Amino acid sequence: MAKKDLFHKLSYTEQLEEILEKKPFSADCKNLLLSMLYKIDTSYNDYETVKRMVDPKKQVIEDILNIIKDCEDIKLVSSAKMEQFKKKNIKFKIDQQKKKIETEQNENAMLNAIYSLPVEKKVYLDEDHSAIRNSLPFILQKGRSINRAEIIRDFDAWSWNTTFSEISSIECNLIYQNLQMLLGKEFLEDWMKLENNKNSLEMLNYKLNEMLERKEAEELLYLIFKLSIIICSENDAKENKRLKEEFSWNTKELKRLNDTVKLVKESSNIKAKAIQQIEKIDKTLNDKKLFEKELKRINAKETEFRILTPDDLENRLNRQRRKLENQIKEANNMLYVKQYMAIKSKIIQENNLLKAIEETDKKEEYILKVQKYFIKGITSKILLEENRKQIIDLMYILRYYEFLPYFNEIYIRDIEELKGAINNTEDVLIDKLMELKIVNRISNNKELDKEIIKKIFSIRMVNLENINIEFVDDNEVIFYDVETIEKKFIIENEGNKLKYNKKIKLFA
């Protein structure tokens, strides 16, 4: 049997131990890595059940093992250095070139560091999207990193609990989860890997159009773009400076474009001057004596870069000609109304986005608006779905969404401005559960049944399909996970006959 085949016959722990035997890591570091892997292994089933949108267990663990295998060194932060980490509000440091990690001594920080170590291809956006070409990739990649670490951050093989303090960016996590739930995990990951695709943003818009009206999809993306600029500017001083310079240049350019009299005069002068220079170049290229004279003149100059051959000169003159042709084209664009308006419109749109660097106080407002569009989108997704398995998945996804962390350590489900919309989405989903007979009838009153079923969105029971309920009296119901009591609820029941002290299976 080949060594590679033998390696894959080993358990995950044995595979990690084989890798660690060849590494210079300390004993404490090796123990932490083994503990981290054990937590992932034991938490995976609950993680998959609750979240639905996850990679296969084998892929998750093998990806981690491959990164560790490629890592040159991992050091645990000393107690003396811990204060420096706290002051900088960081949990780990990585050196991607040297493939080294320095991390706090806990599994969550270690997993985050491991996922951050590989140099991943940046989400590609071309120059036409200058305002967001760095900021959108920034929030998506940060969101993906937070998403990956969730398996041991919020799951411990016994329960599912959100650890607010361990989430490095509430907003990046929210935006990433919103897009993942609407677009689908596979679509989002494939989109983030696209290279040199000028239509990448149009692809996002088109996909969102399946769930939202065209204007709503555009507005949702626009808000995400503005948020990406705000968030990235807060975290990256270099990008903040670049965006401010671009905003300043655009503002001046708009002022120049608005002075149409001066603009026409400038464009006409540029065009006339460029035409004269092209005529001179053409004359030189087509007249042998003039060409030789120009070649001799340039070669006579004592410069670092000297043209020594006729081919060199011809190439230089042709490059200059192409540059002048572009100047004429740009000047013409300013002289023709249609092209002028297109240029001006593009700068206005970009400047409206760039204004976000001055709108940091609106971050929470924009995040809230994104959630409103998300809820509309997920509701449409539920209405369009007829597949039994997909509806069950959407049930879990909606419950997961409601327990996503929000600002001030509250959950999405606790935001007053969203409660009405979330309640409506729950109603739509419960109607589907009833229509497809995924849930059992509980009483002879459909509205009472809906009220009881709706309680599943407010409990953290890992496997909702294991739920049993029991009526204590006319107005109290208990939810069980097999034999364990999860939660008691008060219900509004007027005159409906119920079966007391008898367990009823909620799901068919």
Protein backbone atom coordinates (compact mmCIF):
# COMPACT_ATOMS: atom_id res chain seq x y z
CA MET A 1 0.00 0.00 0.00
CA ALA A 2 1.34 3.43 -0.96
CA LYS A 3 2.33 5.75 1.89
CA LYS A 4 -0.28 8.30 0.76
CA ASP A 5 -3.05 5.68 0.89
CA LEU A 6 -1.93 4.59 4.36
CA PHE A 7 -1.97 8.22 5.54
CA HIS A 8 -5.62 8.59 4.53
CA LYS A 9 -6.56 5.36 6.32
CA LEU A 10 -5.52 6.97 9.60
CA SER A 11 -7.93 8.89 11.84
CA TYR A 12 -7.81 12.69 11.72
CA THR A 13 -5.97 12.74 15.06
CA GLU A 14 -3.40 10.22 13.82
CA GLN A 15 -2.91 12.23 10.64
CA LEU A 16 -2.28 15.38 12.69
CA GLU A 17 0.14 13.53 14.98
CA GLU A 18 2.13 12.35 11.94
CA ILE A 19 2.38 15.94 10.71
CA LEU A 20 3.37 17.27 14.15
CA GLU A 21 6.19 14.73 14.54
CA LYS A 22 8.08 16.65 11.83
CA LYS A 23 7.34 20.12 13.22
CA PRO A 24 9.38 22.18 15.72
CA PHE A 25 6.25 23.28 17.62
CA SER A 26 6.26 23.22 21.43
CA ALA A 27 4.45 20.49 23.34
CA ASP A 28 1.79 23.02 24.47
CA CYS A 29 1.27 24.09 20.87
CA LYS A 30 0.88 20.50 19.66
CA ASN A 31 -1.61 19.78 22.44
CA LEU A 32 -3.61 22.87 21.50
CA LEU A 33 -3.72 21.80 17.85
CA LEU A 34 -4.91 18.32 18.86
CA SER A 35 -7.55 19.82 21.14
CA MET A 36 -8.68 22.15 18.32
CA LEU A 37 -9.04 19.26 15.89
CA TYR A 38 -10.92 17.19 18.47
CA LYS A 39 -13.40 20.04 18.99
CA ILE A 40 -13.96 20.37 15.25
CA ASP A 41 -14.45 16.64 14.87
CA THR A 42 -16.96 16.37 17.73
CA SER A 43 -18.82 19.63 16.97
CA TYR A 44 -19.24 19.11 13.25
CA ASN A 45 -22.57 17.23 13.28
CA ASP A 46 -24.31 19.92 15.37
CA TYR A 47 -22.67 22.64 13.27
CA GLU A 48 -23.94 21.03 10.05
CA THR A 49 -27.45 20.51 11.46
CA VAL A 50 -27.86 24.10 12.68
CA LYS A 51 -26.22 25.97 9.84
CA ARG A 52 -26.83 23.81 6.74
CA MET A 53 -24.48 25.88 4.52
CA VAL A 54 -21.23 24.06 5.37
CA ASP A 55 -18.40 22.18 3.68
CA PRO A 56 -18.25 18.39 4.14
CA LYS A 57 -16.49 17.35 7.34
CA LYS A 58 -13.70 15.60 5.46
CA GLN A 59 -12.96 18.75 3.46
CA VAL A 60 -13.00 21.00 6.55
CA ILE A 61 -10.48 18.85 8.43
CA GLU A 62 -8.24 18.05 5.48
CA ASP A 63 -8.01 21.75 4.57
CA ILE A 64 -6.82 22.47 8.13
CA LEU A 65 -4.34 19.58 8.11
CA ASN A 66 -2.87 20.76 4.79
CA ILE A 67 -2.35 24.29 6.15
CA ILE A 68 -0.65 22.94 9.30
CA LYS A 69 1.51 20.70 7.13
CA ASP A 70 2.62 23.74 5.12
CA CYS A 71 3.21 25.92 8.20
CA GLU A 72 6.84 26.46 9.26
CA ASP A 73 6.30 27.57 12.85
CA ILE A 74 3.55 28.20 15.41
CA LYS A 75 4.29 29.96 18.67
CA LEU A 76 1.94 30.56 21.58
CA VAL A 77 1.94 34.11 22.95
CA SER A 78 3.89 34.41 26.18
CA SER A 79 2.24 35.98 29.22
CA ALA A 80 4.70 38.90 28.91
CA LYS A 81 3.58 39.60 25.35
CA MET A 82 -0.12 39.09 26.02
CA GLU A 83 -0.55 42.73 27.07
CA GLN A 84 0.70 43.90 23.66
CA PHE A 85 -1.92 41.73 21.96
CA LYS A 86 -4.65 43.12 24.21
CA LYS A 87 -3.63 46.72 23.51
CA LYS A 88 -3.75 46.07 19.76
CA ASN A 89 -7.00 44.13 20.18
CA ILE A 90 -5.63 41.12 18.27
CA LYS A 91 -5.74 37.40 18.98
CA PHE A 92 -2.98 36.29 16.62
CA LYS A 93 -0.27 37.46 14.21
CA ILE A 94 0.75 35.77 10.98
CA ASP A 95 3.67 36.06 8.58
CA GLN A 96 2.39 34.71 5.28
CA GLN A 97 5.77 34.84 3.52
CA LYS A 98 7.62 32.95 6.25
CA LYS A 99 4.54 30.80 6.98
CA LYS A 100 4.65 31.55 10.71
CA ILE A 101 1.93 32.01 13.32
CA GLU A 102 1.90 33.58 16.77
CA THR A 103 -1.37 33.07 18.61
CA GLU A 104 -3.15 33.24 21.94
CA GLN A 105 -3.47 29.90 23.69
CA ASN A 106 -7.04 28.99 22.75
CA GLU A 107 -8.55 26.89 19.99
CA ASN A 108 -10.60 29.68 18.42
CA ALA A 109 -7.61 32.02 17.97
CA MET A 110 -5.55 29.10 16.63
CA LEU A 111 -8.18 28.17 14.03
CA ASN A 112 -8.55 31.80 12.90
CA ALA A 113 -4.78 32.07 12.54
CA ILE A 114 -4.56 28.82 10.55
CA TYR A 115 -7.26 29.93 8.13
CA SER A 116 -5.54 33.32 7.72
CA LEU A 117 -2.12 31.86 6.91
CA PRO A 118 -2.47 30.84 3.22
CA VAL A 119 -2.11 33.64 0.68
CA GLU A 120 -5.54 33.47 -0.95
CA LYS A 121 -6.37 35.05 -4.27
CA LYS A 122 -7.99 38.41 -3.79
CA VAL A 123 -11.56 38.87 -5.01
CA TYR A 124 -11.09 40.41 -8.46
CA LEU A 125 -12.62 43.77 -9.34
CA ASP A 126 -11.32 45.73 -12.32
CA GLU A 127 -10.36 49.42 -12.50
CA ASP A 128 -13.92 50.40 -13.45
CA HIS A 129 -14.84 49.70 -9.81
CA SER A 130 -12.01 51.69 -8.25
CA ALA A 131 -14.04 52.85 -5.24
CA ILE A 132 -14.64 49.29 -3.98
CA ARG A 133 -11.87 47.25 -5.60
CA ASN A 134 -10.06 46.90 -2.24
CA SER A 135 -12.86 47.42 0.27
CA LEU A 136 -15.36 44.85 -1.01
CA PRO A 137 -12.74 42.05 -1.07
CA PHE A 138 -11.66 43.16 2.43
CA ILE A 139 -15.09 42.66 4.05
CA LEU A 140 -15.84 39.44 2.15
CA GLN A 141 -12.52 37.82 3.06
CA LYS A 142 -12.85 38.91 6.69
CA GLY A 143 -16.43 37.63 6.75
CA ARG A 144 -15.31 34.30 5.30
CA SER A 145 -12.62 33.97 7.98
CA ILE A 146 -15.15 34.60 10.78
CA ASN A 147 -17.55 32.15 9.14
CA ARG A 148 -14.94 29.37 9.02
CA ALA A 149 -14.00 29.66 12.70
CA GLU A 150 -17.61 29.35 13.83
CA ILE A 151 -17.44 25.58 14.14
CA ILE A 152 -15.51 25.77 17.42
CA ARG A 153 -16.39 29.33 18.38
CA ASP A 154 -20.12 28.64 18.83
CA PHE A 155 -20.33 24.83 18.99
CA ASP A 156 -18.90 22.57 21.70
CA ALA A 157 -20.39 19.15 20.85
CA TRP A 158 -23.15 19.66 23.43
CA SER A 159 -24.75 22.98 22.54
CA TRP A 160 -24.90 25.95 20.20
CA ASN A 161 -24.11 29.30 21.83
CA THR A 162 -22.97 32.54 20.25
CA THR A 163 -19.77 34.05 21.64
CA PHE A 164 -20.05 37.75 20.82
CA SER A 165 -16.59 38.68 22.10
CA GLU A 166 -14.87 36.23 19.75
CA ILE A 167 -16.39 37.74 16.58
CA SER A 168 -13.87 40.26 15.29
CA SER A 169 -16.36 42.13 13.10
CA ILE A 170 -20.13 41.93 13.62
CA GLU A 171 -20.78 43.83 10.38
CA CYS A 172 -18.45 41.74 8.18
CA ASN A 173 -19.99 38.57 9.56
CA LEU A 174 -23.54 39.85 8.94
CA ILE A 175 -22.86 40.92 5.36
CA TYR A 176 -21.10 37.65 4.53
CA GLN A 177 -23.90 35.55 6.07
CA ASN A 178 -26.57 37.65 4.28
CA LEU A 179 -24.93 37.06 0.90
CA GLN A 180 -24.26 33.38 1.61
CA MET A 181 -27.88 32.72 2.57
CA LEU A 182 -29.32 34.63 -0.40
CA LEU A 183 -26.88 33.62 -3.13
CA GLY A 184 -26.05 30.14 -1.87
CA LYS A 185 -22.74 28.99 -0.40
CA GLU A 186 -21.40 27.49 -3.64
CA PHE A 187 -22.32 30.52 -5.75
CA LEU A 188 -20.67 32.99 -3.36
CA GLU A 189 -17.46 30.95 -3.03
CA ASP A 190 -17.22 30.44 -6.80
CA TRP A 191 -17.85 34.15 -7.38
CA MET A 192 -15.07 35.10 -4.96
CA LYS A 193 -12.65 32.99 -7.02
CA LEU A 194 -13.48 34.64 -10.37
CA GLU A 195 -10.53 36.12 -12.25
CA ASN A 196 -10.51 38.94 -14.82
CA ASN A 197 -14.29 38.97 -15.14
CA LYS A 198 -15.52 42.47 -15.97
CA ASN A 199 -19.12 41.41 -15.36
CA SER A 200 -18.58 40.07 -11.83
CA LEU A 201 -20.84 42.65 -10.12
CA GLU A 202 -23.50 42.21 -12.79
CA MET A 203 -23.46 38.49 -11.95
CA LEU A 204 -24.25 39.30 -8.30
CA ASN A 205 -27.06 41.62 -9.36
CA TYR A 206 -28.51 39.03 -11.75
CA LYS A 207 -28.52 36.34 -9.05
CA LEU A 208 -30.19 38.67 -6.55
CA ASN A 209 -32.86 39.47 -9.15
CA GLU A 210 -34.15 35.92 -8.60
CA MET A 211 -35.33 37.04 -5.16
CA LEU A 212 -35.63 40.83 -5.31
CA GLU A 213 -36.96 43.43 -7.72
CA ARG A 214 -34.25 44.99 -9.91
CA LYS A 215 -34.16 48.28 -7.96
CA GLU A 216 -34.12 46.43 -4.63
CA ALA A 217 -31.19 44.24 -5.73
CA GLU A 218 -29.30 47.33 -6.91
CA GLU A 219 -29.99 49.16 -3.66
CA LEU A 220 -28.89 46.15 -1.57
CA LEU A 221 -25.57 45.93 -3.42
CA TYR A 222 -25.13 49.70 -3.25
CA LEU A 223 -25.54 49.62 0.55
CA ILE A 224 -23.05 46.74 0.80
CA PHE A 225 -20.56 48.71 -1.32
CA LYS A 226 -20.94 51.77 0.94
CA LEU A 227 -20.52 49.64 4.05
CA SER A 228 -17.40 48.03 2.59
CA ILE A 229 -15.85 51.48 2.13
CA ILE A 230 -16.77 52.53 5.68
CA ILE A 231 -15.52 49.31 7.29
CA CYS A 232 -12.33 49.04 5.24
CA SER A 233 -11.49 52.72 5.84
CA GLU A 234 -11.83 52.18 9.59
CA ASN A 235 -9.40 49.24 9.47
CA ASP A 236 -6.90 50.19 6.75
CA ALA A 237 -5.20 53.60 6.96
CA LYS A 238 -3.58 53.19 3.54
CA GLU A 239 -6.89 52.47 1.83
CA ASN A 240 -8.52 55.31 3.76
CA LYS A 241 -5.92 57.70 2.33
CA ARG A 242 -6.35 56.35 -1.22
CA LEU A 243 -10.13 56.71 -1.10
CA LYS A 244 -9.92 60.27 0.26
CA GLU A 245 -7.51 61.23 -2.53
CA GLU A 246 -9.81 59.68 -5.12
CA PHE A 247 -12.82 61.46 -3.63
CA SER A 248 -10.93 64.76 -3.76
CA TRP A 249 -9.86 64.19 -7.39
CA ASN A 250 -13.41 63.23 -8.44
CA THR A 251 -14.82 66.33 -6.75
CA LYS A 252 -12.39 68.56 -8.67
CA GLU A 253 -13.09 66.68 -11.90
CA LEU A 254 -16.84 67.21 -11.47
CA LYS A 255 -16.24 70.91 -10.95
CA ARG A 256 -14.22 70.98 -14.20
CA LEU A 257 -16.92 69.06 -16.09
CA ASN A 258 -19.62 71.44 -14.87
CA ASP A 259 -17.82 74.43 -16.46
CA THR A 260 -18.87 73.42 -19.99
CA VAL A 261 -17.59 76.59 -21.71
CA LYS A 262 -14.09 76.14 -20.34
CA LEU A 263 -14.28 72.36 -20.91
CA VAL A 264 -15.10 72.74 -24.62
CA LYS A 265 -12.26 75.20 -25.06
CA GLU A 266 -9.77 72.91 -23.24
CA SER A 267 -10.89 69.82 -25.15
CA SER A 268 -10.68 71.63 -28.49
CA ASN A 269 -7.14 72.82 -27.71
CA ILE A 270 -6.03 69.36 -26.62
CA LYS A 271 -7.51 67.82 -29.75
CA ALA A 272 -5.91 70.41 -32.07
CA LYS A 273 -2.51 70.04 -30.43
CA ALA A 274 -2.67 66.22 -30.57
CA ILE A 275 -3.63 66.29 -34.26
CA GLN A 276 -0.62 68.52 -35.02
CA GLN A 277 1.72 66.15 -33.17
CA ILE A 278 0.31 63.12 -34.97
CA GLU A 279 0.84 64.84 -38.33
CA LYS A 280 4.45 65.49 -37.34
CA ILE A 281 4.98 61.84 -36.31
CA ASP A 282 3.39 60.57 -39.55
CA LYS A 283 5.61 62.85 -41.57
CA THR A 284 8.71 61.53 -39.78
CA LEU A 285 7.67 57.92 -40.23
CA ASN A 286 6.93 58.34 -43.94
CA ASP A 287 9.93 60.50 -44.89
CA LYS A 288 13.21 58.59 -44.89
CA LYS A 289 15.40 61.70 -44.59
CA LEU A 290 13.36 63.12 -41.70
CA PHE A 291 13.40 59.73 -39.96
CA GLU A 292 17.22 59.45 -40.22
CA LYS A 293 17.59 63.03 -39.02
CA GLU A 294 15.41 62.29 -35.95
CA LEU A 295 17.33 59.09 -35.25
CA LYS A 296 20.62 60.95 -35.41
CA ARG A 297 19.32 63.78 -33.18
CA ILE A 298 18.18 61.37 -30.45
CA ASN A 299 21.34 59.24 -30.59
CA ALA A 300 23.43 62.37 -30.24
CA LYS A 301 21.89 63.11 -26.82
CA GLU A 302 23.85 62.00 -23.79
CA THR A 303 20.99 60.24 -21.98
CA GLU A 304 20.70 57.05 -20.03
CA PHE A 305 18.16 55.64 -22.47
CA ARG A 306 19.42 55.94 -26.06
CA ILE A 307 17.71 54.72 -29.24
CA LEU A 308 20.32 52.96 -31.30
CA THR A 309 18.29 51.31 -34.05
CA PRO A 310 15.62 52.47 -36.54
CA ASP A 311 13.21 49.86 -35.11
CA ASP A 312 13.54 51.38 -31.64
CA LEU A 313 12.64 54.81 -32.95
CA GLU A 314 9.73 53.51 -35.02
CA ASN A 315 8.30 51.72 -31.96
CA ARG A 316 8.67 54.86 -29.84
CA LEU A 317 6.95 57.06 -32.42
CA ASN A 318 4.09 54.58 -32.77
CA ARG A 319 3.63 54.48 -28.98
CA GLN A 320 3.51 58.29 -28.91
CA ARG A 321 0.98 58.23 -31.75
CA ARG A 322 -1.31 55.82 -29.89
CA LYS A 323 -1.13 57.99 -26.77
CA LEU A 324 -2.11 61.06 -28.78
CA GLU A 325 -4.96 59.16 -30.41
CA ASN A 326 -6.30 58.38 -26.92
CA GLN A 327 -6.07 62.08 -26.03
CA ILE A 328 -8.12 62.92 -29.14
CA LYS A 329 -10.65 60.23 -28.22
CA GLU A 330 -11.00 61.61 -24.68
CA ALA A 331 -11.30 65.16 -26.03
CA ASN A 332 -14.01 64.03 -28.48
CA ASN A 333 -15.88 62.37 -25.65
CA MET A 334 -16.03 65.71 -23.87
CA LEU A 335 -17.28 67.42 -27.04
CA TYR A 336 -20.09 64.94 -27.72
CA VAL A 337 -23.06 65.23 -25.38
CA LYS A 338 -23.74 61.49 -25.06
CA GLN A 339 -20.16 60.57 -24.18
CA TYR A 340 -19.79 63.63 -21.93
CA MET A 341 -22.91 62.68 -19.95
CA ALA A 342 -21.70 59.06 -19.60
CA ILE A 343 -18.33 60.22 -18.22
CA LYS A 344 -19.98 62.68 -15.86
CA SER A 345 -22.55 60.12 -14.70
CA LYS A 346 -19.82 57.57 -13.91
CA ILE A 347 -17.87 60.07 -11.80
CA ILE A 348 -21.04 61.16 -9.97
CA GLN A 349 -21.91 57.52 -9.17
CA GLU A 350 -18.40 56.81 -7.95
CA ASN A 351 -18.35 59.98 -5.85
CA ASN A 352 -21.69 59.09 -4.26
CA LEU A 353 -20.06 55.82 -3.18
CA LEU A 354 -16.87 57.51 -2.02
CA LYS A 355 -18.88 59.84 0.22
CA ALA A 356 -19.18 56.81 2.48
CA ILE A 357 -15.74 57.62 3.95
CA GLU A 358 -17.47 60.59 5.61
CA GLU A 359 -20.49 58.54 6.77
CA THR A 360 -19.04 56.28 9.46
CA ASP A 361 -21.86 57.38 11.78
CA LYS A 362 -24.37 55.78 9.36
CA LYS A 363 -22.86 52.29 9.51
CA GLU A 364 -25.55 50.79 11.75
CA GLU A 365 -28.30 52.50 9.72
CA TYR A 366 -26.97 50.94 6.51
CA ILE A 367 -26.59 47.51 8.13
CA LEU A 368 -30.23 47.69 9.24
CA LYS A 369 -31.36 48.54 5.69
CA VAL A 370 -29.36 45.58 4.37
CA GLN A 371 -31.25 43.31 6.80
CA LYS A 372 -34.61 44.60 5.53
CA TYR A 373 -33.66 43.74 1.95
CA PHE A 374 -32.29 40.38 3.10
CA ILE A 375 -35.58 39.47 4.79
CA LYS A 376 -37.47 40.37 1.59
CA GLY A 377 -35.09 38.18 -0.39
CA ILE A 378 -35.28 35.15 1.92
CA THR A 379 -39.08 35.44 1.98
CA SER A 380 -39.15 35.30 -1.83
CA LYS A 381 -36.83 32.31 -1.71
CA ILE A 382 -39.26 30.48 0.61
CA LEU A 383 -42.27 31.35 -1.56
CA LEU A 384 -40.55 30.04 -4.70
CA GLU A 385 -39.40 26.77 -3.10
CA GLU A 386 -41.47 23.57 -3.40
CA ASN A 387 -38.85 20.96 -2.53
CA ARG A 388 -39.41 19.36 0.89
CA LYS A 389 -35.72 19.09 1.80
CA GLN A 390 -35.00 22.66 0.70
CA ILE A 391 -37.88 23.99 2.81
CA ILE A 392 -36.50 22.16 5.86
CA ASP A 393 -33.08 23.69 5.13
CA LEU A 394 -34.67 27.15 4.87
CA MET A 395 -36.38 26.58 8.22
CA TYR A 396 -32.98 25.99 9.85
CA ILE A 397 -31.40 28.88 7.92
CA LEU A 398 -34.11 31.31 9.06
CA ARG A 399 -33.68 30.18 12.68
CA TYR A 400 -29.89 30.55 12.30
CA TYR A 401 -30.34 34.04 10.83
CA GLU A 402 -32.50 35.17 13.73
CA PHE A 403 -29.71 34.23 16.15
CA LEU A 404 -26.98 36.08 14.25
CA PRO A 405 -25.14 38.58 16.49
CA TYR A 406 -25.95 42.25 16.06
CA PHE A 407 -24.57 45.42 17.62
CA ASN A 408 -24.77 45.94 21.40
CA GLU A 409 -24.76 42.16 21.95
CA ILE A 410 -28.31 41.51 20.81
CA TYR A 411 -29.51 39.09 18.16
CA ILE A 412 -31.18 39.93 14.87
CA ARG A 413 -34.46 38.59 16.24
CA ASP A 414 -34.40 41.22 19.02
CA ILE A 415 -34.23 44.27 16.71
CA GLU A 416 -37.52 46.12 17.05
CA GLU A 417 -37.42 47.52 13.50
CA LEU A 418 -37.19 43.99 12.05
CA LYS A 419 -39.65 42.08 14.23
CA GLY A 420 -42.67 42.67 11.96
CA ALA A 421 -40.86 41.57 8.80
CA ILE A 422 -39.33 38.52 10.52
CA ASN A 423 -42.74 37.53 11.89
CA ASN A 424 -44.20 37.69 8.36
CA THR A 425 -41.36 35.51 7.00
CA GLU A 426 -41.95 32.94 9.74
CA ASP A 427 -45.64 32.82 8.75
CA VAL A 428 -44.71 32.21 5.10
CA LEU A 429 -42.35 29.40 6.05
CA ILE A 430 -44.81 27.75 8.45
CA ASP A 431 -47.46 27.79 5.70
CA LYS A 432 -44.98 25.86 3.53
CA LEU A 433 -44.22 23.41 6.34
CA MET A 434 -47.95 22.74 6.71
CA GLU A 435 -48.63 22.64 2.96
CA LEU A 436 -45.91 20.02 2.41
CA LYS A 437 -46.99 18.14 5.58
CA ILE A 438 -43.54 18.47 7.11
CA VAL A 439 -45.11 19.23 10.50
CA ASN A 440 -47.93 17.37 12.21
CA ARG A 441 -51.29 18.83 13.16
CA ILE A 442 -51.26 19.64 16.87
CA SER A 443 -54.82 20.78 17.45
CA ASN A 444 -58.01 21.37 15.49
CA ASN A 445 -57.10 25.06 15.12
CA LYS A 446 -54.66 25.98 12.34
CA GLU A 447 -53.84 29.41 13.81
CA LEU A 448 -53.02 27.88 17.19
CA ASP A 449 -50.81 25.31 15.45
CA LYS A 450 -48.96 28.13 13.64
CA GLU A 451 -48.43 30.00 16.91
CA ILE A 452 -46.92 26.89 18.50
CA ILE A 453 -44.75 25.96 15.50
CA LYS A 454 -43.42 29.51 15.37
CA LYS A 455 -41.71 28.92 18.74
CA ILE A 456 -39.04 26.83 16.96
CA PHE A 457 -37.41 30.06 15.76
CA SER A 458 -36.78 31.21 19.32
CA ILE A 459 -35.05 28.09 20.69
CA ARG A 460 -31.48 26.86 20.23
CA MET A 461 -32.35 23.16 20.16
CA VAL A 462 -29.81 21.75 17.67
CA ASN A 463 -32.08 19.30 15.84
CA LEU A 464 -35.51 20.86 15.41
CA GLU A 465 -36.87 17.66 13.85
CA ASN A 466 -36.44 15.86 17.20
CA ILE A 467 -38.90 18.18 18.92
CA ASN A 468 -41.76 16.81 21.00
CA ILE A 469 -44.27 19.10 22.66
CA GLU A 470 -46.56 18.64 25.63
CA PHE A 471 -49.49 20.76 26.81
CA VAL A 472 -49.36 21.43 30.53
CA ASP A 473 -52.73 23.21 30.46
CA ASP A 474 -54.77 25.34 28.06
CA ASN A 475 -52.15 28.08 27.94
CA GLU A 476 -48.78 26.43 28.48
CA VAL A 477 -46.73 24.20 26.20
CA ILE A 478 -43.35 22.54 26.78
CA PHE A 479 -40.82 21.84 24.03
CA TYR A 480 -38.67 18.72 24.44
CA ASP A 481 -35.57 17.49 22.65
CA VAL A 482 -36.16 13.73 23.05
CA GLU A 483 -36.41 13.72 26.88
CA THR A 484 -34.78 17.03 27.79
CA ILE A 485 -36.99 20.07 28.38
CA GLU A 486 -35.80 22.91 26.16
CA LYS A 487 -38.28 25.65 26.93
CA LYS A 488 -41.78 26.46 28.20
CA PHE A 489 -44.06 28.86 26.34
CA ILE A 490 -47.30 30.61 27.18
CA ILE A 491 -49.80 30.42 24.31
CA GLU A 492 -53.07 32.17 23.54
CA ASN A 493 -55.73 29.47 23.46
CA GLU A 494 -59.39 30.26 23.60
CA GLY A 495 -61.63 27.21 23.93
CA ASN A 496 -59.59 24.74 21.87
CA LYS A 497 -59.57 21.23 23.30
CA LEU A 498 -56.00 20.02 23.85
CA LYS A 499 -54.48 16.72 24.97
CA TYR A 500 -52.67 17.32 28.27
CA ASN A 501 -49.58 15.54 29.60
CA LYS A 502 -49.04 13.67 26.34
CA LYS A 503 -45.96 14.11 24.16
CA ILE A 504 -46.72 15.05 20.58
CA LYS A 505 -44.08 14.78 17.83
CA LEU A 506 -43.92 18.13 16.04
CA PHE A 507 -42.40 16.94 12.76
CA ALA A 508 -43.85 14.23 10.56
